[in-house]
Protein backbone atom coordinates (compact mmCIF):
# COMPACT_ATOMS: atom_id res chain seq x y z
CA MET A 1 -7.33 -17.55 11.31
CA PRO A 2 -6.15 -19.96 8.66
CA PHE A 3 -3.57 -18.83 6.10
CA LYS A 4 -5.92 -18.90 3.14
CA GLU A 5 -8.44 -16.66 4.93
CA THR A 6 -5.71 -14.28 6.03
CA VAL A 7 -4.44 -13.95 2.43
CA LYS A 8 -8.04 -13.26 1.12
CA LYS A 9 -8.49 -10.57 3.75
CA GLU A 10 -5.13 -8.94 2.88
CA ILE A 11 -6.07 -8.94 -0.80
CA ASP A 12 -9.38 -7.39 -0.02
CA VAL A 13 -7.76 -4.66 2.05
CA VAL A 14 -5.26 -3.96 -0.81
CA VAL A 15 -8.02 -3.82 -3.39
CA HIS A 16 -10.66 -1.78 -1.39
CA GLY A 17 -8.51 0.24 0.98
CA GLN A 18 -8.14 3.27 -1.29
CA THR A 19 -10.53 5.15 -3.54
CA ILE A 20 -9.97 5.13 -7.25
CA THR A 21 -9.27 8.86 -7.22
CA PHE A 22 -6.53 8.35 -4.50
CA ARG A 23 -4.96 5.50 -6.49
CA LEU A 24 -4.91 7.52 -9.73
CA VAL A 25 -3.29 10.52 -8.05
CA LYS A 26 -0.87 8.26 -6.23
CA TYR A 27 0.31 6.50 -9.37
CA MET A 28 0.52 9.72 -11.45
CA VAL A 29 2.74 11.08 -8.72
CA LEU A 30 4.94 8.04 -8.66
CA LEU A 31 5.26 7.96 -12.46
CA LEU A 32 6.13 11.65 -12.41
CA LEU A 33 8.77 10.94 -9.68
CA ALA A 34 10.15 8.04 -11.57
CA PHE A 35 10.57 9.98 -14.87
CA ALA A 36 12.17 12.98 -13.06
CA LEU A 37 14.47 10.88 -10.97
CA TYR A 38 15.50 8.73 -14.06
CA PHE A 39 16.37 11.73 -16.22
CA TRP A 40 18.03 13.51 -13.24
CA LYS A 41 20.12 10.69 -11.69
CA GLY A 42 19.64 7.67 -13.91
CA GLY A 43 18.16 4.20 -13.68
CA ARG A 44 20.33 2.86 -10.88
CA ILE A 45 19.27 5.59 -8.46
CA THR A 46 15.62 5.33 -9.58
CA GLY A 47 15.67 1.64 -8.89
CA VAL A 48 17.15 2.13 -5.34
CA VAL A 49 14.71 4.91 -4.52
CA PHE A 50 11.71 2.65 -5.66
CA LEU A 51 13.13 -0.29 -3.79
CA ILE A 52 13.27 1.95 -0.58
CA LEU A 53 9.69 3.12 -1.29
CA ILE A 54 8.47 -0.48 -1.58
CA ILE A 55 10.09 -1.47 1.68
CA VAL A 56 8.62 1.56 3.40
CA SER A 57 5.17 0.83 2.07
CA LEU A 58 5.32 -2.77 3.27
CA VAL A 59 6.51 -1.68 6.68
CA ALA A 60 3.53 0.80 6.87
CA HIS A 61 1.04 -1.87 5.67
CA PHE A 62 2.18 -4.33 8.38
CA PHE A 63 2.39 -1.58 11.06
CA PHE A 64 -1.21 -0.64 10.38
CA ARG A 65 -2.17 -4.28 10.27
CA TRP A 66 -0.70 -4.69 13.73
CA LYS A 67 -2.30 -1.51 15.18
CA THR A 68 -5.79 -2.44 13.80
CA ASP A 69 -5.61 -6.10 15.01
CA GLY A 70 -5.65 -7.48 11.45
CA TRP A 71 -7.92 -4.83 10.00
CA THR A 72 -10.65 -5.49 12.46
CA LYS A 73 -10.80 -2.07 14.24
CA SER A 74 -10.18 1.56 13.33
CA TRP A 75 -6.85 3.21 14.32
CA GLY A 76 -5.49 6.66 13.39
CA LEU A 77 -6.33 7.54 9.79
CA TYR A 78 -7.40 3.95 9.01
CA LYS A 79 -11.16 3.40 9.22
CA LYS A 80 -12.39 -0.29 9.45
CA ILE A 81 -13.49 -1.70 6.18
CA THR A 82 -16.51 -3.98 6.00
CA HIS A 83 -15.02 -7.10 4.31
CA ARG A 84 -17.00 -8.94 1.69
CA GLN A 85 -17.91 -12.53 2.33
CA GLU A 86 -17.82 -14.82 -0.67
């Protein structure tokens, strides 16, 4: 698959892979965690924790991408998304 198509597919998965409700709850929890951690341990620790969370989320993304053959089949909790063709 050409690079341009791969990037489009990845963006589609990122945009349509979670429901609005899930995203809202996820970001509320992350903001609450950020504020609590900042006031408890300061900005440096908050930055380190969020850097670790970003790395873990990227590893999870690429792990699921690998296990689903590039988002083409269901695996575990992931259910195949019908991608839009433009």
